[in-house]
C-alpha atoms as a PDB file:
ATOM      1  CA  MET A   1     120.566  91.180 118.096  1.00  0.00           C
ATOM      2  CA  TYR A   2     117.814  90.990 120.893  1.00  0.00           C
ATOM      3  CA  LYS A   3     116.840  89.103 123.868  1.00  0.00           C
ATOM      4  CA  THR A   4     118.858  87.206 126.604  1.00  0.00           C
ATOM      5  CA  GLN A   5     118.033  83.801 127.606  1.00  0.00           C
ATOM      6  CA  ALA A   6     115.789  84.974 130.243  1.00  0.00           C
ATOM      7  CA  ASP A   7     113.895  87.628 127.793  1.00  0.00           C
ATOM      8  CA  SER A   8     113.449  84.630 125.367  1.00  0.00           C
ATOM      9  CA  LEU A   9     111.843  82.438 127.897  1.00  0.00           C
ATOM     10  CA  GLU A  10     109.550  85.517 128.821  1.00  0.00           C
ATOM     11  CA  PHE A  11     109.051  85.963 125.478  1.00  0.00           C
ATOM     12  CA  LEU A  12     107.784  82.225 124.809  1.00  0.00           C
ATOM     13  CA  ARG A  13     105.238  82.463 127.866  1.00  0.00           C
ATOM     14  CA  GLY A  14     103.499  85.150 126.095  1.00  0.00           C
ATOM     15  CA  PHE A  15     103.816  83.859 122.547  1.00  0.00           C
ATOM     16  CA  LEU A  16     103.537  80.052 122.269  1.00  0.00           C
ATOM     17  CA  PRO A  17      99.562  80.706 123.689  1.00  0.00           C
ATOM     18  CA  HIS A  18      98.612  82.373 120.391  1.00  0.00           C
ATOM     19  CA  LEU A  19      99.638  79.198 118.376  1.00  0.00           C
ATOM     20  CA  ILE A  20      96.605  76.904 119.777  1.00  0.00           C
ATOM     21  CA  ASP A  21      94.453  77.701 117.052  1.00  0.00           C
ATOM     22  CA  THR A  22      97.087  78.778 114.234  1.00  0.00           C
ATOM     23  CA  PRO A  23      96.388  76.579 111.018  1.00  0.00           C
ATOM     24  CA  ASP A  24      98.179  73.586 110.740  1.00  0.00           C
ATOM     25  CA  ASP A  25      99.448  74.690 107.127  1.00  0.00           C
ATOM     26  CA  ARG A  26     101.491  77.511 108.680  1.00  0.00           C
ATOM     27  CA  ASP A  27     105.087  77.286 109.451  1.00  0.00           C
ATOM     28  CA  VAL A  28     106.389  79.091 112.195  1.00  0.00           C
ATOM     29  CA  VAL A  29     110.144  79.737 113.020  1.00  0.00           C
ATOM     30  CA  LEU A  30     112.081  81.596 115.237  1.00  0.00           C
ATOM     31  CA  CYS A  31     115.735  82.732 114.397  1.00  0.00           C
ATOM     32  CA  VAL A  32     117.430  83.934 117.579  1.00  0.00           C
ATOM     33  CA  PRO A  33     120.603  84.937 118.359  1.00  0.00           C
ATOM     34  CA  TYR A  34     123.504  82.113 118.924  1.00  0.00           C
ATOM     35  CA  THR A  35     123.137  82.099 122.921  1.00  0.00           C
ATOM     36  CA  ASP A  36     119.530  81.605 122.717  1.00  0.00           C
ATOM     37  CA  LEU A  37     119.496  78.425 120.489  1.00  0.00           C
ATOM     38  CA  GLY A  38     120.254  75.938 122.955  1.00  0.00           C
ATOM     39  CA  LEU A  39     117.717  77.132 125.558  1.00  0.00           C
ATOM     40  CA  LEU A  40     114.712  77.587 123.218  1.00  0.00           C
ATOM     41  CA  SER A  41     115.884  74.201 121.550  1.00  0.00           C
ATOM     42  CA  ARG A  42     114.853  72.551 124.571  1.00  0.00           C
ATOM     43  CA  ASP A  43     111.877  74.761 125.427  1.00  0.00           C
ATOM     44  CA  LEU A  44     110.485  74.419 121.885  1.00  0.00           C
ATOM     45  CA  HIS A  45     110.705  70.525 122.073  1.00  0.00           C
ATOM     46  CA  GLY A  46     106.998  69.479 121.090  1.00  0.00           C
ATOM     47  CA  SER A  47     105.828  72.520 120.138  1.00  0.00           C
ATOM     48  CA  ARG A  48     105.307  73.873 116.386  1.00  0.00           C
ATOM     49  CA  VAL A  49     107.543  76.315 116.387  1.00  0.00           C
ATOM     50  CA  GLN A  50     110.957  75.294 114.611  1.00  0.00           C
ATOM     51  CA  LEU A  51     114.369  77.011 115.600  1.00  0.00           C
ATOM     52  CA  GLY A  52     116.403  79.056 113.211  1.00  0.00           C
ATOM     53  CA  ALA A  53     119.893  80.756 113.175  1.00  0.00           C
ATOM     54  CA  GLN A  54     120.788  83.983 112.134  1.00  0.00           C
ATOM     55  CA  ASN A  55     123.684  83.017 110.087  1.00  0.00           C
ATOM     56  CA  ILE A  56     126.199  80.007 109.381  1.00  0.00           C
ATOM     57  CA  HIS A  57     129.712  79.765 108.492  1.00  0.00           C
ATOM     58  CA  TRP A  58     130.903  77.965 105.472  1.00  0.00           C
ATOM     59  CA  ALA A  59     133.744  75.795 107.005  1.00  0.00           C
ATOM     60  CA  GLU A  60     132.932  72.564 108.800  1.00  0.00           C
ATOM     61  CA  GLU A  61     135.734  73.646 111.165  1.00  0.00           C
ATOM     62  CA  GLY A  62     138.646  75.780 111.198  1.00  0.00           C
ATOM     63  CA  ALA A  63     140.409  79.019 112.491  1.00  0.00           C
ATOM     64  CA  TYR A  64     137.262  81.061 112.029  1.00  0.00           C
ATOM     65  CA  THR A  65     137.274  82.834 115.775  1.00  0.00           C
ATOM     66  CA  GLY A  66     133.673  84.163 116.366  1.00  0.00           C
ATOM     67  CA  GLU A  67     131.875  81.769 113.724  1.00  0.00           C
ATOM     68  CA  ILE A  68     129.567  78.857 113.955  1.00  0.00           C
ATOM     69  CA  SER A  69     129.444  75.934 111.761  1.00  0.00           C
ATOM     70  CA  GLY A  70     126.451  73.892 110.592  1.00  0.00           C
ATOM     71  CA  ALA A  71     127.498  70.889 112.696  1.00  0.00           C
ATOM     72  CA  MET A  72     127.048  72.884 115.691  1.00  0.00           C
ATOM     73  CA  LEU A  73     123.858  74.456 114.811  1.00  0.00           C
ATOM     74  CA  LEU A  74     122.377  71.220 113.555  1.00  0.00           C
ATOM     75  CA  GLU A  75     123.674  69.581 116.948  1.00  0.00           C
ATOM     76  CA  ILE A  76     121.150  71.816 119.085  1.00  0.00           C
ATOM     77  CA  GLY A  77     118.114  71.316 116.883  1.00  0.00           C
ATOM     78  CA  VAL A  78     118.202  74.340 114.500  1.00  0.00           C
ATOM     79  CA  ARG A  79     116.419  73.474 111.148  1.00  0.00           C
ATOM     80  CA  TYR A  80     116.715  76.800 109.451  1.00  0.00           C
ATOM     81  CA  VAL A  81     119.291  79.554 108.985  1.00  0.00           C
ATOM     82  CA  ILE A  82     118.921  83.079 107.741  1.00  0.00           C
ATOM     83  CA  VAL A  83     121.578  83.854 104.918  1.00  0.00           C
ATOM     84  CA  GLY A  84     122.844  87.015 103.446  1.00  0.00           C
ATOM     85  CA  HIS A  85     120.453  89.504 105.463  1.00  0.00           C
ATOM     86  CA  SER A  86     120.726  93.229 104.191  1.00  0.00           C
ATOM     87  CA  GLU A  87     122.433  93.806 107.733  1.00  0.00           C
ATOM     88  CA  ARG A  88     125.050  91.096 107.127  1.00  0.00           C
ATOM     89  CA  ARG A  89     125.693  92.579 103.654  1.00  0.00           C
ATOM     90  CA  GLN A  90     125.604  96.017 104.917  1.00  0.00           C
ATOM     91  CA  TYR A  91     127.659  96.058 108.003  1.00  0.00           C
ATOM     92  CA  PHE A  92     129.675  92.688 107.919  1.00  0.00           C
ATOM     93  CA  GLY A  93     131.214  92.285 104.186  1.00  0.00           C
ATOM     94  CA  GLU A  94     128.734  89.705 102.987  1.00  0.00           C
ATOM     95  CA  THR A  95     128.991  89.178  99.256  1.00  0.00           C
ATOM     96  CA  ASP A  96     126.903  87.260  96.890  1.00  0.00           C
ATOM     97  CA  ASP A  97     130.227  84.872  96.959  1.00  0.00           C
ATOM     98  CA  THR A  98     129.870  84.099 100.644  1.00  0.00           C
ATOM     99  CA  VAL A  99     126.547  83.982 100.663  1.00  0.00           C
ATOM    100  CA  ASN A 100     126.701  81.153  97.904  1.00  0.00           C
ATOM    101  CA  LEU A 101     129.064  79.335 100.460  1.00  0.00           C
ATOM    102  CA  ARG A 102     126.833  79.719 103.261  1.00  0.00           C
ATOM    103  CA  LEU A 103     123.809  78.599 101.418  1.00  0.00           C
ATOM    104  CA  LYS A 104     125.958  75.363 100.431  1.00  0.00           C
ATOM    105  CA  ALA A 105     127.059  74.654 103.657  1.00  0.00           C
ATOM    106  CA  ALA A 106     123.643  74.689 105.102  1.00  0.00           C
ATOM    107  CA  GLN A 107     122.385  72.360 102.696  1.00  0.00           C
ATOM    108  CA  ASP A 108     124.980  70.051 103.048  1.00  0.00           C
ATOM    109  CA  ILE A 109     124.434  69.774 106.882  1.00  0.00           C
ATOM    110  CA  GLY A 110     120.618  69.325 106.163  1.00  0.00           C
ATOM    111  CA  ILE A 111     119.574  72.919 107.067  1.00  0.00           C
ATOM    112  CA  VAL A 112     117.295  75.069 105.099  1.00  0.00           C
ATOM    113  CA  PRO A 113     118.437  78.187 104.232  1.00  0.00           C
ATOM    114  CA  ILE A 114     116.487  81.066 103.843  1.00  0.00           C
ATOM    115  CA  LEU A 115     118.044  83.517 101.200  1.00  0.00           C
ATOM    116  CA  CYS A 116     117.458  87.161 101.725  1.00  0.00           C
ATOM    117  CA  VAL A 117     117.830  89.596  98.472  1.00  0.00           C
ATOM    118  CA  GLY A 118     116.595  92.863  97.805  1.00  0.00           C
ATOM    119  CA  GLU A 119     117.291  96.733  96.789  1.00  0.00           C
ATOM    120  CA  THR A 120     118.359  99.812  98.406  1.00  0.00           C
ATOM    121  CA  LYS A 121     116.557 103.147  98.219  1.00  0.00           C
ATOM    122  CA  VAL A 122     119.108 104.464  95.500  1.00  0.00           C
ATOM    123  CA  GLN A 123     118.813 101.356  93.403  1.00  0.00           C
ATOM    124  CA  ARG A 124     115.019 101.469  93.682  1.00  0.00           C
ATOM    125  CA  ASP A 125     115.015 105.332  92.904  1.00  0.00           C
ATOM    126  CA  THR A 126     117.253 104.382  89.459  1.00  0.00           C
ATOM    127  CA  ALA A 127     115.407 101.828  88.302  1.00  0.00           C
ATOM    128  CA  GLN A 128     117.879  98.913  89.405  1.00  0.00           C
ATOM    129  CA  ILE A 129     115.521  96.851  91.293  1.00  0.00           C
ATOM    130  CA  GLU A 130     115.448  94.038  88.587  1.00  0.00           C
ATOM    131  CA  SER A 131     119.276  94.147  87.891  1.00  0.00           C
ATOM    132  CA  CYS A 132     120.145  94.224  91.637  1.00  0.00           C
ATOM    133  CA  ILE A 133     117.571  91.521  92.321  1.00  0.00           C
ATOM    134  CA  PHE A 134     118.503  89.330  89.231  1.00  0.00           C
ATOM    135  CA  SER A 135     122.312  89.675  90.111  1.00  0.00           C
ATOM    136  CA  GLN A 136     121.958  88.682  93.724  1.00  0.00           C
ATOM    137  CA  LEU A 137     119.848  85.379  92.741  1.00  0.00           C
ATOM    138  CA  GLU A 138     122.062  84.351  89.615  1.00  0.00           C
ATOM    139  CA  ASN A 139     125.506  84.295  91.870  1.00  0.00           C
ATOM    140  CA  GLY A 140     123.969  83.410  95.389  1.00  0.00           C
ATOM    141  CA  LEU A 141     122.119  80.389  93.864  1.00  0.00           C
ATOM    142  CA  SER A 142     124.754  78.803  91.794  1.00  0.00           C
ATOM    143  CA  GLY A 143     125.098  75.282  92.586  1.00  0.00           C
ATOM    144  CA  VAL A 144     122.079  75.821  95.112  1.00  0.00           C
ATOM    145  CA  ASP A 145     119.499  72.772  95.461  1.00  0.00           C
ATOM    146  CA  GLN A 146     116.150  74.723  94.873  1.00  0.00           C
ATOM    147  CA  SER A 147     113.943  72.147  96.431  1.00  0.00           C
ATOM    148  CA  ARG A 148     115.512  72.868  99.876  1.00  0.00           C
ATOM    149  CA  LEU A 149     115.279  76.418  99.998  1.00  0.00           C
ATOM    150  CA  VAL A 150     113.205  79.595 101.067  1.00  0.00           C
ATOM    151  CA  ILE A 151     113.897  83.229  99.658  1.00  0.00           C
ATOM    152  CA  ALA A 152     112.787  86.545 101.421  1.00  0.00           C
ATOM    153  CA  TYR A 153     112.595  89.794  99.354  1.00  0.00           C
ATOM    154  CA  GLU A 154     113.532  92.403 101.868  1.00  0.00           C
ATOM    155  CA  PRO A 155     113.732  95.847 100.248  1.00  0.00           C
ATOM    156  CA  ILE A 156     116.486  97.434 102.198  1.00  0.00           C
ATOM    157  CA  TRP A 157     114.817 100.795 102.175  1.00  0.00           C
ATOM    158  CA  ALA A 158     111.923  99.278 104.405  1.00  0.00           C
ATOM    159  CA  ILE A 159     113.933  97.459 107.013  1.00  0.00           C
ATOM    160  CA  GLY A 160     113.397  99.190 110.353  1.00  0.00           C
ATOM    161  CA  THR A 161     112.157 102.479 108.792  1.00  0.00           C
ATOM    162  CA  GLY A 162     108.438 102.015 108.933  1.00  0.00           C
ATOM    163  CA  ASP A 163     108.293 102.362 105.208  1.00  0.00           C
ATOM    164  CA  THR A 164     106.517  98.907 103.954  1.00  0.00           C
ATOM    165  CA  CYS A 165     106.634  98.407 100.690  1.00  0.00           C
ATOM    166  CA  ASP A 166     103.195  98.517  98.883  1.00  0.00           C
ATOM    167  CA  ALA A 167     101.674  95.089  99.051  1.00  0.00           C
ATOM    168  CA  LYS A 168     101.197  94.838  95.455  1.00  0.00           C
ATOM    169  CA  GLU A 169     104.645  96.053  94.447  1.00  0.00           C
ATOM    170  CA  ALA A 170     106.098  93.486  96.771  1.00  0.00           C
ATOM    171  CA  ASN A 171     103.928  90.858  94.874  1.00  0.00           C
ATOM    172  CA  ARG A 172     105.180  92.125  91.791  1.00  0.00           C
ATOM    173  CA  VAL A 173     108.809  91.854  92.471  1.00  0.00           C
ATOM    174  CA  ILE A 174     108.209  88.462  94.380  1.00  0.00           C
ATOM    175  CA  GLY A 175     106.554  87.214  91.129  1.00  0.00           C
ATOM    176  CA  LEU A 176     109.829  88.462  89.086  1.00  0.00           C
ATOM    177  CA  ILE A 177     111.918  86.411  91.760  1.00  0.00           C
ATOM    178  CA  ARG A 178     110.119  83.349  91.055  1.00  0.00           C
ATOM    179  CA  SER A 179     110.240  83.933  87.324  1.00  0.00           C
ATOM    180  CA  ARG A 180     113.974  83.568  87.685  1.00  0.00           C
ATOM    181  CA  LEU A 181     114.062  80.374  89.546  1.00  0.00           C
ATOM    182  CA  THR A 182     114.460  76.743  88.289  1.00  0.00           C
ATOM    183  CA  ASN A 183     112.044  75.697  91.082  1.00  0.00           C
ATOM    184  CA  PRO A 184     109.067  78.075  91.124  1.00  0.00           C
ATOM    185  CA  ASP A 185     107.391  76.135  94.179  1.00  0.00           C
ATOM    186  CA  VAL A 186     110.549  77.825  96.232  1.00  0.00           C
ATOM    187  CA  PRO A 187     108.458  79.527  99.339  1.00  0.00           C
ATOM    188  CA  ILE A 188     109.187  82.923  98.996  1.00  0.00           C
ATOM    189  CA  GLN A 189     108.503  85.878 102.064  1.00  0.00           C
ATOM    190  CA  TYR A 190     108.298  89.259 102.064  1.00  0.00           C
ATOM    191  CA  GLY A 191     110.636  91.089 104.601  1.00  0.00           C
ATOM    192  CA  GLY A 192     110.487  94.911 105.545  1.00  0.00           C
ATOM    193  CA  SER A 193     108.521  96.710 108.379  1.00  0.00           C
ATOM    194  CA  VAL A 194     106.001  93.676 108.442  1.00  0.00           C
ATOM    195  CA  LYS A 195     103.690  94.881 111.439  1.00  0.00           C
ATOM    196  CA  PRO A 196     100.245  93.391 112.678  1.00  0.00           C
ATOM    197  CA  ASP A 197      98.253  96.510 110.984  1.00  0.00           C
ATOM    198  CA  ASN A 198      99.650  95.158 107.464  1.00  0.00           C
ATOM    199  CA  ILE A 199      99.933  91.737 107.402  1.00  0.00           C
ATOM    200  CA  ASP A 200      96.600  90.965 106.066  1.00  0.00           C
ATOM    201  CA  SER A 201      97.191  93.110 103.034  1.00  0.00           C
ATOM    202  CA  ILE A 202     100.846  91.507 102.458  1.00  0.00           C
ATOM    203  CA  MET A 203      99.565  87.831 102.807  1.00  0.00           C
ATOM    204  CA  ASP A 204      96.612  88.510 100.368  1.00  0.00           C
ATOM    205  CA  GLN A 205      98.860  88.519  97.632  1.00  0.00           C
ATOM    206  CA  PRO A 206      99.184  85.768  95.687  1.00  0.00           C
ATOM    207  CA  GLU A 207     102.955  85.478  95.007  1.00  0.00           C
ATOM    208  CA  ILE A 208     103.703  85.977  98.733  1.00  0.00           C
ATOM    209  CA  ASP A 209     104.108  82.936 100.745  1.00  0.00           C
ATOM    210  CA  GLY A 210     105.112  84.200 104.000  1.00  0.00           C
ATOM    211  CA  ALA A 211     106.812  86.904 106.330  1.00  0.00           C
ATOM    212  CA  LEU A 212     110.370  87.380 107.348  1.00  0.00           C
ATOM    213  CA  VAL A 213     109.378  89.562 110.613  1.00  0.00           C
ATOM    214  CA  GLY A 214     112.128  91.852 112.008  1.00  0.00           C
ATOM    215  CA  GLY A 215     111.353  94.057 114.919  1.00  0.00           C
ATOM    216  CA  ALA A 216     107.544  93.296 114.866  1.00  0.00           C
ATOM    217  CA  SER A 217     108.385  90.133 116.157  1.00  0.00           C
ATOM    218  CA  LEU A 218     110.042  91.152 119.461  1.00  0.00           C
ATOM    219  CA  ALA A 219     106.511  91.534 121.071  1.00  0.00           C
ATOM    220  CA  PRO A 220     104.952  88.169 121.698  1.00  0.00           C
ATOM    221  CA  ASP A 221     101.205  89.676 121.387  1.00  0.00           C
ATOM    222  CA  GLY A 222     102.147  91.501 118.047  1.00  0.00           C
ATOM    223  CA  PHE A 223     104.041  88.710 116.436  1.00  0.00           C
ATOM    224  CA  GLY A 224     101.077  86.128 117.497  1.00  0.00           C
ATOM    225  CA  ARG A 225      98.890  88.341 115.374  1.00  0.00           C
ATOM    226  CA  ILE A 226     101.029  88.282 112.522  1.00  0.00           C
ATOM    227  CA  VAL A 227     101.389  84.609 112.561  1.00  0.00           C
ATOM    228  CA  ASN A 228      97.706  84.469 113.029  1.00  0.00           C
ATOM    229  CA  TYR A 229      97.094  86.659 110.062  1.00  0.00           C
ATOM    230  CA  LYS A 230      93.562  86.734 108.107  1.00  0.00           C
ATOM    231  CA  SER A 231      93.684  85.245 105.047  1.00  0.00           C
END
């Protein structure tokens, strides 16, 4: 929940020049607040940046005050949507069941969902990493087309805390996630205190396909460095 429309335009002026020499095989997606989507859809037109939303409702329409449907997102050029982010789970009652409904709704309308999974500090400290994540995957992905999906491993204890999961450990967990999928080619990202000074070591890991960037995406120069990581 950052950036007004004016802030977003200022961000683009600083960020887009960083993409001039970005390798063609890297996908760049900005997942922004609802109020910025229409404006950025216009200003990103013709650029290599694709537009994403931060949530989607599972119903096509109805008495769901405050929610946004897939058709509303698709109409303004949204191509990706984050589903099941840990903050949605922690603060807004998101469950694996509602995550599953949102994933299906996104795919039904032609939007690629980015499914977030990850463990808490307590779960990590009590050797529940695998059981937690495997449960999220099993319940969340039921009936979901894995050929139109992105997954983000975001250890909850590393989000906004400055504590980054060790790159090799993140690689290990992402490998475990991949082993539970029917489609091993699903792109799997790491998210959790990704910063310009650790992105190279993160992306050097063989199982990690990308990064879901939080606070470090707010500064155009820093985010530009992350996009242009050294491989």
